[in-house]
Protein backbone atom coordinates (compact mmCIF):
# COMPACT_ATOMS: atom_id res chain seq x y z
CA MET A 1 -72.52 -72.71 191.47
CA PRO A 2 -72.93 -74.93 188.36
CA GLU A 3 -73.35 -78.58 188.43
CA LEU A 4 -73.21 -81.64 185.91
CA ILE A 5 -76.46 -83.42 185.79
CA ALA A 6 -77.78 -86.32 183.69
CA PRO A 7 -80.16 -85.21 181.11
CA THR A 8 -83.79 -84.78 182.40
CA ALA A 9 -87.07 -83.97 180.58
CA HIS A 10 -87.80 -81.76 183.69
CA LEU A 11 -85.60 -79.01 182.02
CA HIS A 12 -87.34 -79.12 178.70
CA THR A 13 -88.13 -75.31 178.60
CA ALA A 14 -84.73 -74.35 179.97
CA TRP A 15 -83.07 -76.53 177.45
CA LEU A 16 -85.11 -75.04 174.63
CA GLU A 17 -83.98 -71.54 175.68
CA ALA A 18 -80.29 -72.61 175.45
CA HIS A 19 -81.02 -74.38 172.11
CA ALA A 20 -82.56 -71.25 170.76
CA GLU A 21 -79.56 -69.20 171.77
CA TRP A 22 -77.26 -71.34 169.50
CA GLY A 23 -79.52 -70.30 166.53
CA PRO A 24 -80.94 -72.53 163.83
CA GLY A 25 -78.40 -74.86 162.05
CA GLN A 26 -75.70 -74.43 164.60
CA HIS A 27 -74.04 -77.54 165.72
CA GLU A 28 -74.31 -77.88 169.53
CA ASP A 29 -71.47 -80.06 170.88
CA GLY A 30 -72.06 -82.15 173.94
CA PHE A 31 -75.81 -82.82 173.50
CA GLY A 32 -75.86 -85.83 171.33
CA LEU A 33 -78.54 -84.02 169.06
CA ASP A 34 -79.36 -85.69 165.82
CA PRO A 35 -81.08 -83.81 163.12
CA SER A 36 -84.10 -86.13 163.31
CA ASP A 37 -84.68 -85.59 167.10
CA ASP A 38 -87.91 -83.87 168.00
CA VAL A 39 -86.99 -81.78 170.95
CA THR A 40 -89.85 -79.24 170.56
CA SER A 41 -92.71 -81.30 171.98
CA PRO A 42 -92.68 -82.73 175.39
CA ALA A 43 -93.17 -86.33 174.32
CA GLY A 44 -90.29 -85.92 171.53
CA PHE A 45 -88.06 -84.25 174.20
CA ALA A 46 -88.70 -87.08 176.66
CA GLY A 47 -87.94 -89.49 174.04
CA TRP A 48 -84.56 -87.81 173.12
CA VAL A 49 -83.58 -87.55 176.82
CA GLY A 50 -84.41 -91.25 177.16
CA ARG A 51 -82.07 -92.17 174.19
CA LEU A 52 -79.31 -90.11 175.74
CA LEU A 53 -79.78 -91.92 178.99
CA ASP A 54 -79.89 -95.31 177.28
CA HIS A 55 -76.51 -94.47 175.50
CA SER A 56 -75.04 -93.83 179.07
CA ASP A 57 -75.85 -97.38 179.99
CA PRO A 58 -72.98 -99.74 178.78
CA ALA A 59 -75.43 -102.80 179.53
CA LYS A 60 -77.76 -101.46 176.74
CA PRO A 61 -77.12 -102.66 173.13
CA LEU A 62 -76.34 -99.78 170.62
CA GLY A 63 -76.16 -99.85 166.87
CA ALA A 64 -73.15 -100.99 164.87
CA GLY A 65 -70.23 -98.74 165.26
CA ARG A 66 -71.59 -96.90 168.33
CA VAL A 67 -70.04 -96.91 171.82
CA PRO A 68 -71.59 -95.99 175.22
CA CYS A 69 -71.67 -92.23 175.91
CA THR A 70 -72.32 -90.38 179.08
CA TYR A 71 -74.05 -87.10 178.61
CA ARG A 72 -74.16 -84.35 181.23
CA TRP A 73 -75.75 -81.02 181.10
CA ILE A 74 -74.09 -78.08 182.84
CA VAL A 75 -76.86 -76.42 184.78
CA GLU A 76 -77.08 -73.57 187.18
CA HIS A 77 -80.19 -72.56 188.94
CA ASP A 78 -82.32 -74.61 186.50
CA ARG A 79 -80.83 -72.86 183.64
CA VAL A 80 -78.93 -75.10 180.97
CA LEU A 81 -75.70 -73.51 180.29
CA GLY A 82 -74.09 -76.24 178.23
CA GLY A 83 -73.53 -80.02 177.68
CA ILE A 84 -70.71 -82.28 177.54
CA ALA A 85 -70.53 -85.88 176.24
CA LEU A 86 -67.89 -88.72 177.15
CA ARG A 87 -67.75 -91.49 174.62
CA HIS A 88 -66.52 -94.63 176.50
CA GLY A 89 -64.53 -96.61 173.76
CA SER A 90 -63.17 -96.39 170.45
CA SER A 91 -65.06 -96.50 167.03
CA ASP A 92 -64.53 -94.79 163.74
CA TYR A 93 -66.72 -92.00 165.08
CA VAL A 94 -64.55 -91.62 168.16
CA ARG A 95 -61.55 -91.75 166.10
CA TRP A 96 -62.41 -88.55 164.24
CA ALA A 97 -64.81 -86.79 166.88
CA GLY A 98 -62.91 -87.69 170.02
CA HIS A 99 -63.95 -89.14 173.21
CA ILE A 100 -65.24 -85.85 174.64
CA GLY A 101 -67.35 -83.05 173.01
CA TYR A 102 -68.69 -80.09 174.83
CA GLY A 103 -70.58 -76.88 174.21
CA ILE A 104 -71.37 -73.72 176.21
CA ARG A 105 -74.46 -71.50 175.06
CA PRO A 106 -73.17 -68.17 174.06
CA SER A 107 -74.45 -66.10 176.92
CA ALA A 108 -72.65 -68.41 179.48
CA ARG A 109 -69.19 -68.40 177.75
CA ARG A 110 -65.90 -66.90 179.10
CA ARG A 111 -66.78 -68.02 182.74
CA GLY A 112 -64.46 -71.15 182.70
CA LEU A 113 -67.51 -73.54 182.49
CA ALA A 114 -66.04 -75.58 179.70
CA THR A 115 -62.75 -76.11 181.65
CA TRP A 116 -64.65 -76.92 184.88
CA ALA A 117 -66.88 -79.53 183.00
CA LEU A 118 -64.10 -81.10 181.06
CA GLY A 119 -61.94 -81.56 184.30
CA ARG A 120 -65.05 -83.31 185.88
CA MET A 121 -65.65 -85.65 182.78
CA LEU A 122 -61.84 -86.43 182.76
CA ALA A 123 -62.22 -87.70 186.25
CA GLU A 124 -65.25 -89.86 185.17
CA ALA A 125 -63.18 -91.25 182.21
CA ARG A 126 -60.63 -92.28 184.74
CA THR A 127 -63.23 -94.35 186.65
CA LEU A 128 -64.30 -95.87 183.28
CA GLY A 129 -60.58 -97.25 183.00
CA LEU A 130 -59.59 -94.95 180.09
CA GLU A 131 -55.95 -94.21 180.03
CA ARG A 132 -56.06 -91.17 177.70
CA VAL A 133 -58.84 -89.31 175.84
CA LEU A 134 -58.96 -87.67 172.42
CA ALA A 135 -60.56 -84.06 172.45
CA VAL A 136 -61.02 -82.39 168.99
CA CYS A 137 -61.94 -78.76 168.30
CA ALA A 138 -62.11 -76.67 165.10
CA VAL A 139 -58.81 -75.15 164.10
CA ASP A 140 -60.24 -71.59 164.58
CA ASN A 141 -61.82 -72.29 168.01
CA ALA A 142 -59.08 -70.67 170.07
CA ALA A 143 -61.38 -70.84 173.32
CA SER A 144 -61.77 -74.64 173.02
CA ALA A 145 -58.12 -75.07 172.26
CA ARG A 146 -57.22 -73.23 175.48
CA THR A 147 -59.73 -75.25 177.51
CA ILE A 148 -58.18 -78.30 176.23
CA GLU A 149 -54.62 -77.43 176.86
CA ARG A 150 -55.65 -76.08 180.41
CA CYS A 151 -56.81 -79.65 181.06
CA GLY A 152 -53.45 -81.34 179.85
CA GLY A 153 -54.29 -81.65 176.23
CA VAL A 154 -51.23 -82.25 174.05
CA LEU A 155 -51.75 -81.30 170.33
CA GLU A 156 -51.26 -84.29 168.08
CA GLY A 157 -51.94 -82.35 164.91
CA VAL A 158 -54.59 -81.15 162.55
CA GLY A 159 -57.13 -83.64 160.84
CA GLU A 160 -60.11 -83.47 158.62
CA THR A 161 -63.66 -84.00 160.08
CA ARG A 162 -67.05 -83.82 158.56
CA PHE A 163 -67.11 -80.19 159.99
CA GLY A 164 -63.79 -79.18 158.50
CA PRO A 165 -60.28 -79.19 159.75
CA ALA A 166 -59.79 -79.88 163.55
CA ARG A 167 -57.25 -79.78 166.14
CA ARG A 168 -56.44 -83.19 167.73
CA TYR A 169 -55.46 -83.29 171.47
CA TRP A 170 -54.65 -86.26 173.65
CA ILE A 171 -55.06 -85.97 177.33
CA ASP A 172 -53.36 -88.62 179.48
CA LEU A 173 -55.22 -89.63 182.55
């Protein structure tokens, strides 16, 4: 049975296995990974995990234009299957990228994990006091569109992002 957990340096090797499965240059939604993050060394990985945990704490100051973000990893038997992120407020970034982003490693897809994880993060969004959330996916990502729609997403339309055109869905909480 999968579980959602806070990022942990304990799963460094398992996370690297998932990361390798995406392949070089592939964007991994839900992990908060920046191009400058060093995730290969234990110290770099621990630093990255620390940054993710800091971003989850609304009491910690963040850079301009950033909002607190809760990161969770989808884990089963110490195997990292994916990640999901919930941005707490609104900013220019949230307005184009959405409140929620998620990704499932290729070998774990088609099991309903994204729908399961999205449902749990929507419950967390309610506890944060959000009344609705924006979820965005690439126009050609039919699996993600179905996931969002299963969780109550209503298509607002298609907009441009830095990754290309994307469907924009609102989910009332």
